[in-house]
Amino acid sequence: MSSNLKVNTILPSTGTTVAVSGIVSATSSVSIASSCTATTFYGSGANLTGITQTTINSNTNNYLITGTGTANTLQGEANLTFDGSSLDIFDGSNSSTIKLKRHASTASEQAHIGYFSSGLHIETRESTYISLKTNTQERLRIHADGEVECKGGAAGQNALLVTGNYSASNNVDIQTWQRSGGAVQAKMIYKDATTDLHFGTDTSHNFSLMTGGTDRLRLKGDGVIEMGTSIGATSDSNIRLRLGRAGDCYLGIRVTSNDTSETGIKFGDASSEHDGKLAYLHTGRRFRFTVGGNDRIFIEMNGDLKGQLSNANIIGFMGAKTTAGTTNWNDSTNARSGSGHTLLLGTHSNGPGPSLYYHPFTFEYAQRDSNGNMTQLAIPYNGGAIYSRYRYSGSWSGWTSH
């Protein structure tokens, strides 16, 4: 039929297909044993059976739909939305959490990703680690005990690159390490005013470098530098560099902040930290040699060498060294302030005459460079008289026997 079909009574239950291109209007029942196909069905559908109606609460655009636990009722979640590109989770208490469980019935076996007013939290609720990967490779692991392990990248790449932003002429703490509570702290600081990098403790504690688990170099809280095993306390706070071993000898470098005290090197042992000293006395400008805790020799500003004690001796510096040197009494190796180099015969050039060996010994006036006025002695090696002569204005006198 190409026009509308109006049915006022029940159609017969037998017959062939009825094709209607218009509207089927029935005031009573229509019984169809097989299927019924139509472009549009009209009516309230109140008398249809076998169909359950479902209600969606808060059916708002982009709300994700979840079950409610009530039959035929779904819920649009205001705190869980998806706009085709972004999945948003939030609630009105300023905290949103994603929970991951290994077993649904065990609350402790969970991992949480939460965003709170205090910040982003990523945590496990059991003794397991957190791992971050890129390109299927693990790059960072936080162990259950808090240890952080940086796995690093390819060979030659930085395992950890830390960059600190700064403003001109100001400082930036590139890295800070501290004990729980912050009472002990170390830092790496960049100071742009001087373009210097500073590394060490930021609190009054020692900073040490070690090898094999043993401290080798220590920068103490008061600025003193120690090398080797700790040598303990010292009564002289001006010893700023100390080298030594525990229970053994040590060496200390002494410095001062003024020119009225002394600087130098101290040699200490278990019995005394001042057992030996080589010190420069800024007051008076002279060197002092201390041995066994006692001052022994001073070198004065004018070059004088002084013994501190009246019974001190000069030992081991006198006498010729060889018979194979220059065999001339006038040579500068033999006519010089102090002992001559060569054990000379009296018959050698410019000698006193006898065929005996002599030690040449000379006293030179003022300049002491072998060119000044001098008095020369010929001291017999194994017998004979002592001879003397002098040189004045470049001319030698004759020898005199004594």
Protein backbone atom coordinates (compact mmCIF):
# COMPACT_ATOMS: atom_id res chain seq x y z
CA MET A 1 0.00 0.00 0.00
CA SER A 2 1.28 3.38 -0.98
CA SER A 3 -0.96 5.33 1.36
CA ASN A 4 -1.74 5.28 5.08
CA LEU A 5 -3.27 2.17 6.65
CA LYS A 6 -5.95 2.68 9.28
CA VAL A 7 -6.93 -0.36 11.32
CA ASN A 8 -10.05 -0.15 13.54
CA THR A 9 -10.31 -3.83 14.42
CA ILE A 10 -7.96 -6.70 15.00
CA LEU A 11 -6.30 -7.81 11.79
CA PRO A 12 -6.50 -11.46 10.92
CA SER A 13 -3.74 -13.61 12.23
CA THR A 14 -3.10 -15.14 8.84
CA GLY A 15 -2.03 -13.65 5.61
CA THR A 16 0.99 -12.41 3.76
CA THR A 17 3.25 -9.42 4.16
CA VAL A 18 1.59 -6.03 4.31
CA ALA A 19 3.85 -3.25 3.03
CA VAL A 20 2.84 0.26 4.00
CA SER A 21 4.72 3.27 2.72
CA GLY A 22 2.84 5.72 4.92
CA ILE A 23 1.66 5.67 8.55
CA VAL A 24 -0.02 2.69 10.22
CA SER A 25 -2.68 3.95 12.58
CA ALA A 26 -4.29 1.34 14.83
CA THR A 27 -6.97 2.07 17.44
CA SER A 28 -6.83 -1.45 18.75
CA SER A 29 -4.17 -4.14 18.96
CA VAL A 30 -1.73 -5.12 16.24
CA SER A 31 -0.48 -8.67 16.47
CA ILE A 32 2.69 -9.46 14.56
CA ALA A 33 4.02 -13.01 14.70
CA SER A 34 7.36 -12.15 13.19
CA SER A 35 9.31 -8.94 13.05
CA CYS A 36 8.08 -5.42 12.55
CA THR A 37 10.27 -2.92 10.78
CA ALA A 38 9.55 0.75 10.68
CA THR A 39 11.44 4.00 10.28
CA THR A 40 9.76 5.58 13.34
CA PHE A 41 7.54 4.28 16.14
CA TYR A 42 5.00 6.70 17.63
CA GLY A 43 3.30 6.61 20.98
CA SER A 44 4.23 6.65 24.67
CA GLY A 45 5.29 3.00 24.79
CA ALA A 46 3.61 2.72 28.19
CA ASN A 47 2.11 -0.68 27.36
CA LEU A 48 5.33 -2.18 25.97
CA THR A 49 6.60 -5.19 27.95
CA GLY A 50 10.07 -6.80 28.29
CA ILE A 51 11.85 -3.43 28.30
CA THR A 52 13.53 -2.01 31.46
CA GLN A 53 13.98 1.72 31.77
CA THR A 54 17.36 3.03 33.12
CA THR A 55 17.79 6.38 34.86
CA ILE A 56 21.04 8.39 34.68
CA ASN A 57 21.40 10.84 37.52
CA SER A 58 23.40 14.05 36.85
CA ASN A 59 23.49 13.35 33.15
CA THR A 60 25.82 16.26 32.34
CA ASN A 61 28.11 16.61 29.34
CA ASN A 62 31.58 14.97 29.85
CA TYR A 63 30.56 13.26 33.13
CA LEU A 64 31.71 9.64 33.20
CA ILE A 65 28.89 7.19 34.09
CA THR A 66 29.30 4.76 36.99
CA GLY A 67 27.08 2.24 38.76
CA THR A 68 25.21 3.26 41.89
CA GLY A 69 24.30 -0.09 43.43
CA THR A 70 20.60 0.62 42.71
CA ALA A 71 18.83 -1.30 39.93
CA ASN A 72 18.24 0.63 36.69
CA THR A 73 20.08 3.70 38.02
CA LEU A 74 23.41 5.12 36.84
CA GLN A 75 25.30 8.16 38.06
CA GLY A 76 27.09 10.88 36.13
CA GLU A 77 30.22 11.66 38.15
CA ALA A 78 30.83 15.39 38.58
CA ASN A 79 34.37 14.69 39.89
CA LEU A 80 35.30 12.36 37.02
CA THR A 81 35.09 13.92 33.57
CA PHE A 82 36.47 13.23 30.11
CA ASP A 83 36.26 15.76 27.30
CA GLY A 84 37.85 13.62 24.60
CA SER A 85 41.44 14.54 25.46
CA SER A 86 41.73 15.04 29.24
CA LEU A 87 40.60 12.79 32.06
CA ASP A 88 39.98 14.91 35.17
CA ILE A 89 39.65 13.59 38.72
CA PHE A 90 38.84 16.05 41.51
CA ASP A 91 36.64 16.61 44.49
CA GLY A 92 35.53 19.45 46.72
CA SER A 93 37.99 18.72 49.57
CA ASN A 94 41.13 19.72 47.64
CA SER A 95 42.32 16.13 47.44
CA SER A 96 42.09 13.61 44.63
CA THR A 97 43.50 10.10 44.77
CA ILE A 98 44.00 7.21 42.37
CA LYS A 99 44.39 3.89 44.20
CA LEU A 100 46.12 0.88 42.62
CA LYS A 101 45.68 -2.51 44.29
CA ARG A 102 47.34 -5.86 43.79
CA HIS A 103 44.51 -7.59 45.65
CA ALA A 104 41.10 -5.98 45.97
CA SER A 105 40.49 -7.29 49.48
CA THR A 106 43.83 -6.16 51.00
CA ALA A 107 43.96 -2.47 51.87
CA SER A 108 47.70 -2.50 52.67
CA GLU A 109 48.71 -3.74 49.22
CA GLN A 110 48.08 -0.45 47.50
CA ALA A 111 49.81 2.34 45.66
CA HIS A 112 48.36 5.85 45.74
CA ILE A 113 48.74 8.79 43.41
CA GLY A 114 47.16 11.78 45.10
CA TYR A 115 47.01 15.50 44.55
CA PHE A 116 46.34 17.47 47.71
CA SER A 117 46.48 21.10 48.73
CA SER A 118 50.04 20.38 49.99
CA GLY A 119 51.19 18.90 46.67
CA LEU A 120 51.40 15.73 44.59
CA HIS A 121 51.86 12.47 46.51
CA ILE A 122 53.04 9.18 45.00
CA GLU A 123 53.29 6.39 47.53
CA THR A 124 53.12 2.69 48.21
CA ARG A 125 51.31 1.33 51.23
CA GLU A 126 53.68 -1.64 51.67
CA SER A 127 57.43 -2.31 51.67
CA THR A 128 57.95 -1.98 47.91
CA TYR A 129 59.88 0.41 45.71
CA ILE A 130 58.76 3.04 43.19
CA SER A 131 60.33 2.79 39.74
CA LEU A 132 60.35 5.22 36.81
CA LYS A 133 61.18 4.01 33.31
CA THR A 134 61.76 5.54 29.88
CA ASN A 135 61.97 3.52 26.66
CA THR A 136 61.32 0.36 28.74
CA GLN A 137 64.50 1.01 30.78
CA GLU A 138 64.48 1.75 34.51
CA ARG A 139 65.97 5.21 35.19
CA LEU A 140 65.06 5.98 38.79
CA ARG A 141 64.19 3.80 41.77
CA ILE A 142 63.09 4.85 45.25
CA HIS A 143 63.59 1.91 47.58
CA ALA A 144 61.25 1.06 50.42
CA ASP A 145 63.85 2.28 52.97
CA GLY A 146 64.08 5.70 51.27
CA GLU A 147 67.28 5.15 49.30
CA VAL A 148 67.14 6.85 45.89
CA GLU A 149 68.95 5.07 43.07
CA CYS A 150 69.62 6.95 39.83
CA LYS A 151 70.24 4.36 37.12
CA GLY A 152 71.82 6.79 34.66
CA GLY A 153 71.64 6.87 30.89
CA ALA A 154 73.82 5.70 28.05
CA ALA A 155 77.61 5.53 28.40
CA GLY A 156 79.11 9.00 28.60
CA GLN A 157 75.89 10.68 29.68
CA ASN A 158 75.32 12.38 33.03
CA ALA A 159 73.79 10.08 35.61
CA LEU A 160 72.38 13.16 37.33
CA LEU A 161 72.26 16.69 35.94
CA VAL A 162 71.27 19.40 38.41
CA THR A 163 70.66 22.92 37.10
CA GLY A 164 70.07 25.90 39.37
CA ASN A 165 68.56 29.14 38.09
CA TYR A 166 70.15 32.36 39.26
CA SER A 167 70.00 36.11 38.84
CA ALA A 168 72.98 38.34 38.13
CA SER A 169 75.39 38.84 41.08
CA ASN A 170 73.32 36.56 43.34
CA ASN A 171 73.82 33.07 44.73
CA VAL A 172 72.05 29.82 43.99
CA ASP A 173 72.11 26.63 46.06
CA ILE A 174 72.63 24.04 43.34
CA GLN A 175 72.40 21.15 45.78
CA THR A 176 71.80 20.76 49.52
CA TRP A 177 72.36 17.71 51.72
CA GLN A 178 71.26 17.66 55.33
CA ARG A 179 70.59 15.41 58.29
CA SER A 180 67.00 15.04 59.38
CA GLY A 181 66.09 18.29 61.08
CA GLY A 182 68.76 20.30 59.23
CA ALA A 183 71.23 20.66 62.14
CA VAL A 184 74.04 19.28 59.93
CA GLN A 185 74.05 20.55 56.37
CA ALA A 186 76.28 20.61 53.29
CA LYS A 187 75.79 22.60 50.11
CA MET A 188 77.04 23.23 46.62
CA ILE A 189 76.61 26.95 45.92
CA TYR A 190 77.21 29.02 42.80
CA LYS A 191 78.05 32.68 43.45
CA ASP A 192 77.52 34.73 40.32
CA ALA A 193 79.24 37.86 41.67
CA THR A 194 82.59 36.01 41.51
CA THR A 195 81.51 33.08 39.27
CA ASP A 196 82.88 30.76 41.96
CA LEU A 197 81.55 27.33 42.92
CA HIS A 198 81.53 26.62 46.67
CA PHE A 199 81.21 23.14 48.16
CA GLY A 200 81.22 22.13 51.81
CA THR A 201 79.33 22.23 55.09
CA ASP A 202 76.89 25.05 55.71
CA THR A 203 76.96 24.43 59.47
CA SER A 204 79.87 24.40 61.95
CA HIS A 205 80.99 20.84 61.22
CA ASN A 206 84.08 19.25 59.73
CA PHE A 207 84.24 18.40 56.03
CA SER A 208 86.33 15.33 55.12
CA LEU A 209 87.57 13.51 52.03
CA MET A 210 88.29 9.81 52.42
CA THR A 211 89.68 6.82 50.55
CA GLY A 212 89.09 3.21 51.52
CA GLY A 213 86.63 4.36 54.16
CA THR A 214 89.29 6.35 56.03
CA ASP A 215 89.46 10.15 56.33
CA ARG A 216 92.46 11.52 54.43
CA LEU A 217 91.80 15.27 54.25
CA ARG A 218 89.73 17.23 56.72
CA LEU A 219 88.61 20.85 56.63
CA LYS A 220 87.54 21.56 60.21
CA GLY A 221 84.74 23.82 61.31
CA ASP A 222 87.23 26.50 62.41
CA GLY A 223 89.07 26.47 59.05
CA VAL A 224 91.99 24.25 60.12
CA ILE A 225 93.12 21.77 57.44
CA GLU A 226 94.25 18.30 58.54
CA MET A 227 95.79 15.65 56.30
CA GLY A 228 96.07 12.03 57.38
CA THR A 229 94.46 10.45 60.42
CA SER A 230 93.17 12.95 62.95
CA ILE A 231 95.91 14.22 65.26
CA GLY A 232 93.47 15.50 67.83
CA ALA A 233 93.46 18.86 69.53
CA THR A 234 96.37 21.30 69.62
CA SER A 235 97.05 24.10 72.11
CA ASP A 236 98.16 26.42 69.29
CA SER A 237 95.08 27.49 67.34
CA ASN A 238 97.29 29.27 64.79
CA ILE A 239 98.51 25.94 63.40
CA ARG A 240 96.19 26.00 60.39
CA LEU A 241 97.62 23.11 58.36
CA ARG A 242 98.37 19.82 60.13
CA LEU A 243 99.79 16.67 58.62
CA GLY A 244 100.14 13.50 60.64
CA ARG A 245 98.99 10.10 61.83
CA ALA A 246 97.17 9.18 65.02
CA GLY A 247 99.58 8.42 67.87
CA ASP A 248 102.53 9.35 65.67
CA CYS A 249 104.47 12.45 64.66
CA TYR A 250 102.89 15.35 62.83
CA LEU A 251 103.86 18.51 61.05
CA GLY A 252 102.02 21.80 61.39
CA ILE A 253 102.08 25.05 59.43
CA ARG A 254 101.58 28.08 61.65
CA VAL A 255 100.14 31.36 60.39
CA THR A 256 98.99 34.54 62.13
CA SER A 257 96.84 37.52 61.26
CA ASN A 258 99.42 40.14 62.27
CA ASP A 259 103.12 40.92 61.89
CA THR A 260 104.01 40.83 65.59
CA SER A 261 103.98 37.05 66.06
CA GLU A 262 105.59 34.11 64.25
CA THR A 263 104.88 31.90 61.27
CA GLY A 264 106.60 28.66 60.47
CA ILE A 265 106.62 24.89 60.66
CA LYS A 266 106.20 22.86 63.84
CA PHE A 267 107.27 19.24 64.28
CA GLY A 268 105.35 17.39 66.96
CA ASP A 269 105.20 13.91 68.43
CA ALA A 270 103.32 12.05 71.16
CA SER A 271 105.20 13.87 73.90
CA SER A 272 105.06 17.44 72.58
CA GLU A 273 103.41 19.24 69.70
CA HIS A 274 106.26 21.81 69.82
CA ASP A 275 109.18 19.37 69.83
CA GLY A 276 110.80 21.04 66.84
CA LYS A 277 110.16 24.39 65.12
CA LEU A 278 111.40 26.38 62.20
CA ALA A 279 109.82 29.77 62.80
CA TYR A 280 110.10 33.25 61.34
CA LEU A 281 109.76 35.93 64.02
CA HIS A 282 108.14 38.94 62.39
CA THR A 283 109.11 41.07 65.37
CA GLY A 284 112.87 41.42 64.89
CA ARG A 285 112.75 39.70 61.48
CA ARG A 286 114.78 36.61 62.18
CA PHE A 287 114.54 32.82 61.92
CA ARG A 288 114.53 30.57 64.94
CA PHE A 289 115.38 26.85 65.05
CA THR A 290 113.93 24.90 67.97
CA VAL A 291 115.12 21.37 68.80
CA GLY A 292 113.73 19.20 71.59
CA GLY A 293 111.51 22.07 72.68
CA ASN A 294 114.48 24.44 73.15
CA ASP A 295 115.52 27.34 70.93
CA ARG A 296 119.01 26.59 69.54
CA ILE A 297 119.90 28.81 66.56
CA PHE A 298 118.81 32.24 65.30
CA ILE A 299 119.50 33.70 61.88
CA GLU A 300 119.37 37.47 62.29
CA MET A 301 118.11 39.96 59.71
CA ASN A 302 121.72 41.03 58.98
CA GLY A 303 122.74 37.41 58.30
CA ASP A 304 124.38 36.69 61.65
CA LEU A 305 124.08 33.11 62.88
CA LYS A 306 123.66 32.92 66.64
CA GLY A 307 123.65 30.01 69.06
CA GLN A 308 121.09 30.35 71.84
CA LEU A 309 123.00 28.42 74.55
CA SER A 310 126.58 29.23 75.66
CA ASN A 311 127.74 25.64 75.36
CA ALA A 312 126.44 25.08 71.81
CA ASN A 313 129.04 23.90 69.29
CA ILE A 314 129.39 23.93 65.52
CA ILE A 315 130.01 20.31 64.66
CA GLY A 316 130.77 18.67 61.34
CA PHE A 317 131.26 21.79 59.20
CA MET A 318 135.04 22.24 59.41
CA GLY A 319 137.85 20.73 57.35
CA ALA A 320 138.67 20.03 53.69
CA LYS A 321 136.66 17.45 51.78
CA THR A 322 139.12 15.92 49.27
CA THR A 323 142.65 15.89 47.84
CA ALA A 324 141.31 15.78 44.28
CA GLY A 325 140.16 19.41 44.03
CA THR A 326 141.95 22.43 42.59
CA THR A 327 145.52 22.42 43.96
CA ASN A 328 145.96 26.17 44.17
CA TRP A 329 145.86 28.05 47.47
CA ASN A 330 144.54 31.18 45.70
CA ASP A 331 141.61 29.44 43.98
CA SER A 332 138.17 30.59 45.15
CA THR A 333 137.31 27.03 46.26
CA ASN A 334 140.14 27.21 48.79
CA ALA A 335 140.42 30.94 49.53
CA ARG A 336 136.85 31.50 50.73
CA SER A 337 135.08 32.28 53.98
CA GLY A 338 135.30 29.13 56.08
CA SER A 339 136.88 25.79 55.22
CA GLY A 340 138.58 25.31 51.87
CA HIS A 341 137.40 22.51 49.62
CA THR A 342 140.73 20.72 49.00
CA LEU A 343 143.30 19.25 51.41
CA LEU A 344 146.42 21.00 50.00
CA LEU A 345 150.16 20.37 50.11
CA GLY A 346 152.39 23.20 51.18
CA THR A 347 154.21 22.73 47.86
CA HIS A 348 151.04 23.34 45.81
CA SER A 349 150.75 26.60 43.91
CA ASN A 350 150.93 29.68 46.23
CA GLY A 351 151.35 27.40 49.27
CA PRO A 352 153.56 27.95 52.39
CA GLY A 353 156.27 25.56 51.17
CA PRO A 354 156.60 22.37 53.27
CA SER A 355 155.69 19.09 51.58
CA LEU A 356 152.92 18.42 54.08
CA TYR A 357 149.12 18.40 53.82
CA TYR A 358 147.20 21.35 55.27
CA HIS A 359 143.55 22.33 55.82
CA PRO A 360 142.96 25.79 54.28
CA PHE A 361 140.72 27.95 56.44
CA THR A 362 139.88 31.58 55.69
CA PHE A 363 138.29 34.56 57.44
CA GLU A 364 136.87 37.00 54.89
CA TYR A 365 135.83 40.52 55.73
CA ALA A 366 132.35 41.93 54.99
CA GLN A 367 131.34 40.68 51.53
CA ARG A 368 132.24 36.95 51.89
CA ASP A 369 132.20 36.14 48.17
CA SER A 370 135.88 35.09 47.83
CA ASN A 371 136.77 38.54 46.43
CA GLY A 372 137.15 40.53 49.66
CA ASN A 373 139.99 41.13 52.08
CA MET A 374 140.79 37.96 53.99
CA THR A 375 143.12 36.12 56.33
CA GLN A 376 144.03 32.53 55.34
CA LEU A 377 145.36 29.84 57.66
CA ALA A 378 147.21 26.66 56.71
CA ILE A 379 146.42 24.18 59.48
CA PRO A 380 148.64 21.07 59.36
CA TYR A 381 146.90 17.77 58.67
CA ASN A 382 149.44 15.50 60.43
CA GLY A 383 152.19 17.66 61.94
CA GLY A 384 154.18 20.83 61.35
CA ALA A 385 153.62 24.48 62.04
CA ILE A 386 150.55 26.59 61.39
CA TYR A 387 151.00 29.21 58.67
CA SER A 388 149.02 32.39 57.98
CA ARG A 389 148.85 35.11 55.34
CA TYR A 390 146.41 37.84 54.30
CA ARG A 391 145.02 39.46 51.18
CA TYR A 392 144.38 43.19 51.10
CA SER A 393 143.07 45.14 48.10
CA GLY A 394 143.59 42.06 45.94
CA SER A 395 147.27 41.47 46.88
CA TRP A 396 148.47 38.52 48.97
CA SER A 397 151.14 38.83 51.65
CA GLY A 398 153.79 36.21 52.26
CA TRP A 399 153.23 33.22 54.61
CA THR A 400 154.16 33.48 58.29
CA SER A 401 154.94 30.41 60.43
CA HIS A 402 153.47 30.14 63.92
